[in-house]
Amino acid sequence: MKKELLEGLSEEQIEKLKACKNNEEILKAAKEEGVELNDEQLSAVSGGSACEEVNCPRCGSSDTEMIDETFYSNPVYKCHGCGCQWTDRNKEVR
């Protein structure tokens, strides 16, 4: 997990937010904790690419980024190494 995205949150708060089932629950729990989450932080605790290193399905490189966060449930990633683009849901290579 990219800890810098979750600066200011305690480990206990992060675990509470990760236990939530959807973004609405995460936002409600965060509000109860007195925490305001930005989009990147929401993605980090709800399973977006900010949570963990994502390796390219084509070349295996970890030099990747999420290029479309429109739908957190199916983000689009890009590899800086080979240029491959894919979705997290089923690793479709474009």
C-alpha atoms as a PDB file:
ATOM      1  CA  MET A   1       0.000   0.000   0.000  1.00  0.00           C
ATOM      2  CA  LYS A   2       1.269   3.451  -0.777  1.00  0.00           C
ATOM      3  CA  LYS A   3       1.371   4.817   2.769  1.00  0.00           C
ATOM      4  CA  GLU A   4       1.878   8.419   1.656  1.00  0.00           C
ATOM      5  CA  LEU A   5      -1.704   8.457   0.358  1.00  0.00           C
ATOM      6  CA  LEU A   6      -2.992   7.580   3.792  1.00  0.00           C
ATOM      7  CA  GLU A   7      -0.874   9.984   5.834  1.00  0.00           C
ATOM      8  CA  GLY A   8      -2.754  11.285   8.818  1.00  0.00           C
ATOM      9  CA  LEU A   9      -4.750   8.066   9.253  1.00  0.00           C
ATOM     10  CA  SER A  10      -3.871   5.655  12.037  1.00  0.00           C
ATOM     11  CA  GLU A  11      -3.412   1.961  11.302  1.00  0.00           C
ATOM     12  CA  GLU A  12      -6.621   1.350  13.256  1.00  0.00           C
ATOM     13  CA  GLN A  13      -8.530   3.842  11.073  1.00  0.00           C
ATOM     14  CA  ILE A  14      -7.143   2.287   7.882  1.00  0.00           C
ATOM     15  CA  GLU A  15      -8.198  -1.195   9.022  1.00  0.00           C
ATOM     16  CA  LYS A  16     -11.709   0.052   9.889  1.00  0.00           C
ATOM     17  CA  LEU A  17     -12.042   1.621   6.447  1.00  0.00           C
ATOM     18  CA  LYS A  18     -10.716  -1.487   4.677  1.00  0.00           C
ATOM     19  CA  ALA A  19     -13.365  -3.592   6.454  1.00  0.00           C
ATOM     20  CA  CYS A  20     -16.147  -1.607   4.763  1.00  0.00           C
ATOM     21  CA  LYS A  21     -18.003  -3.303   1.914  1.00  0.00           C
ATOM     22  CA  ASN A  22     -18.368  -0.353  -0.481  1.00  0.00           C
ATOM     23  CA  ASN A  23     -17.375   3.261  -1.015  1.00  0.00           C
ATOM     24  CA  GLU A  24     -20.496   4.573   0.711  1.00  0.00           C
ATOM     25  CA  GLU A  25     -19.632   2.634   3.881  1.00  0.00           C
ATOM     26  CA  ILE A  26     -16.038   3.872   3.663  1.00  0.00           C
ATOM     27  CA  LEU A  27     -17.136   7.491   3.412  1.00  0.00           C
ATOM     28  CA  LYS A  28     -19.603   7.089   6.299  1.00  0.00           C
ATOM     29  CA  ALA A  29     -16.973   5.425   8.522  1.00  0.00           C
ATOM     30  CA  ALA A  30     -14.405   8.080   7.622  1.00  0.00           C
ATOM     31  CA  LYS A  31     -16.861  10.831   8.528  1.00  0.00           C
ATOM     32  CA  GLU A  32     -17.553   9.127  11.876  1.00  0.00           C
ATOM     33  CA  GLU A  33     -13.786   9.125  12.474  1.00  0.00           C
ATOM     34  CA  GLY A  34     -13.617  12.822  11.596  1.00  0.00           C
ATOM     35  CA  VAL A  35     -11.591  12.067   8.465  1.00  0.00           C
ATOM     36  CA  GLU A  36     -12.146  13.633   5.043  1.00  0.00           C
ATOM     37  CA  LEU A  37     -10.919  11.328   2.239  1.00  0.00           C
ATOM     38  CA  ASN A  38      -9.900  12.548  -1.211  1.00  0.00           C
ATOM     39  CA  ASP A  39     -10.411  10.351  -4.297  1.00  0.00           C
ATOM     40  CA  GLU A  40      -6.916   8.840  -4.139  1.00  0.00           C
ATOM     41  CA  GLN A  41      -7.346   7.935  -0.486  1.00  0.00           C
ATOM     42  CA  LEU A  42     -10.756   6.422  -1.170  1.00  0.00           C
ATOM     43  CA  SER A  43      -9.210   4.328  -3.933  1.00  0.00           C
ATOM     44  CA  ALA A  44      -6.400   3.236  -1.605  1.00  0.00           C
ATOM     45  CA  VAL A  45      -8.737   1.878   1.056  1.00  0.00           C
ATOM     46  CA  SER A  46     -11.332   0.468  -1.346  1.00  0.00           C
ATOM     47  CA  GLY A  47      -8.964  -1.628  -3.452  1.00  0.00           C
ATOM     48  CA  GLY A  48      -7.835   0.662  -6.196  1.00  0.00           C
ATOM     49  CA  SER A  49      -4.307   0.565  -7.576  1.00  0.00           C
ATOM     50  CA  ALA A  50      -3.107   2.872  -4.889  1.00  0.00           C
ATOM     51  CA  CYS A  51      -3.457  -0.012  -2.458  1.00  0.00           C
ATOM     52  CA  GLU A  52      -0.759  -2.194  -3.828  1.00  0.00           C
ATOM     53  CA  GLU A  53       1.829  -2.600  -6.520  1.00  0.00           C
ATOM     54  CA  VAL A  54       0.214  -3.721  -9.772  1.00  0.00           C
ATOM     55  CA  ASN A  55       2.383  -5.718 -12.157  1.00  0.00           C
ATOM     56  CA  CYS A  56       1.932  -5.685 -15.922  1.00  0.00           C
ATOM     57  CA  PRO A  57       0.292  -8.887 -17.196  1.00  0.00           C
ATOM     58  CA  ARG A  58       2.416  -8.754 -20.362  1.00  0.00           C
ATOM     59  CA  CYS A  59       5.953  -8.036 -19.135  1.00  0.00           C
ATOM     60  CA  GLY A  60       5.637  -8.280 -15.338  1.00  0.00           C
ATOM     61  CA  SER A  61       6.974  -4.762 -14.705  1.00  0.00           C
ATOM     62  CA  SER A  62       5.829  -2.943 -11.574  1.00  0.00           C
ATOM     63  CA  ASP A  63       6.359   0.429 -13.295  1.00  0.00           C
ATOM     64  CA  THR A  64       2.614   0.834 -13.810  1.00  0.00           C
ATOM     65  CA  GLU A  65      -0.082   3.383 -13.073  1.00  0.00           C
ATOM     66  CA  MET A  66      -3.845   3.608 -12.989  1.00  0.00           C
ATOM     67  CA  ILE A  67      -4.802   5.813 -15.940  1.00  0.00           C
ATOM     68  CA  ASP A  68      -8.590   5.723 -15.608  1.00  0.00           C
ATOM     69  CA  GLU A  69     -10.212   5.712 -12.179  1.00  0.00           C
ATOM     70  CA  THR A  70     -13.721   6.381 -13.477  1.00  0.00           C
ATOM     71  CA  PHE A  71     -14.986   3.153 -11.975  1.00  0.00           C
ATOM     72  CA  TYR A  72     -13.050   1.960  -8.943  1.00  0.00           C
ATOM     73  CA  SER A  73     -14.423  -1.517  -9.528  1.00  0.00           C
ATOM     74  CA  ASN A  74     -12.775  -1.776 -12.971  1.00  0.00           C
ATOM     75  CA  PRO A  75      -9.867   0.689 -13.313  1.00  0.00           C
ATOM     76  CA  VAL A  76      -7.602   0.838 -16.369  1.00  0.00           C
ATOM     77  CA  TYR A  77      -3.841   0.456 -15.881  1.00  0.00           C
ATOM     78  CA  LYS A  78      -0.859   1.224 -18.103  1.00  0.00           C
ATOM     79  CA  CYS A  79       2.659  -0.192 -18.036  1.00  0.00           C
ATOM     80  CA  HIS A  80       5.457   2.344 -18.535  1.00  0.00           C
ATOM     81  CA  GLY A  81       7.793  -0.456 -19.567  1.00  0.00           C
ATOM     82  CA  CYS A  82       5.976  -1.991 -22.543  1.00  0.00           C
ATOM     83  CA  GLY A  83       2.959   0.285 -23.011  1.00  0.00           C
ATOM     84  CA  CYS A  84       0.416  -2.445 -22.268  1.00  0.00           C
ATOM     85  CA  GLN A  85      -2.997  -1.325 -20.997  1.00  0.00           C
ATOM     86  CA  TRP A  86      -5.408  -3.580 -19.125  1.00  0.00           C
ATOM     87  CA  THR A  87      -8.338  -3.652 -16.760  1.00  0.00           C
ATOM     88  CA  ASP A  88      -8.022  -5.065 -13.296  1.00  0.00           C
ATOM     89  CA  ARG A  89     -11.204  -7.106 -13.475  1.00  0.00           C
ATOM     90  CA  ASN A  90     -10.083  -9.660 -16.038  1.00  0.00           C
ATOM     91  CA  LYS A  91      -6.609  -8.594 -17.107  1.00  0.00           C
ATOM     92  CA  GLU A  92      -7.724  -7.765 -20.650  1.00  0.00           C
ATOM     93  CA  VAL A  93      -4.705  -6.612 -22.587  1.00  0.00           C
ATOM     94  CA  ARG A  94      -5.303  -3.760 -25.012  1.00  0.00           C
END
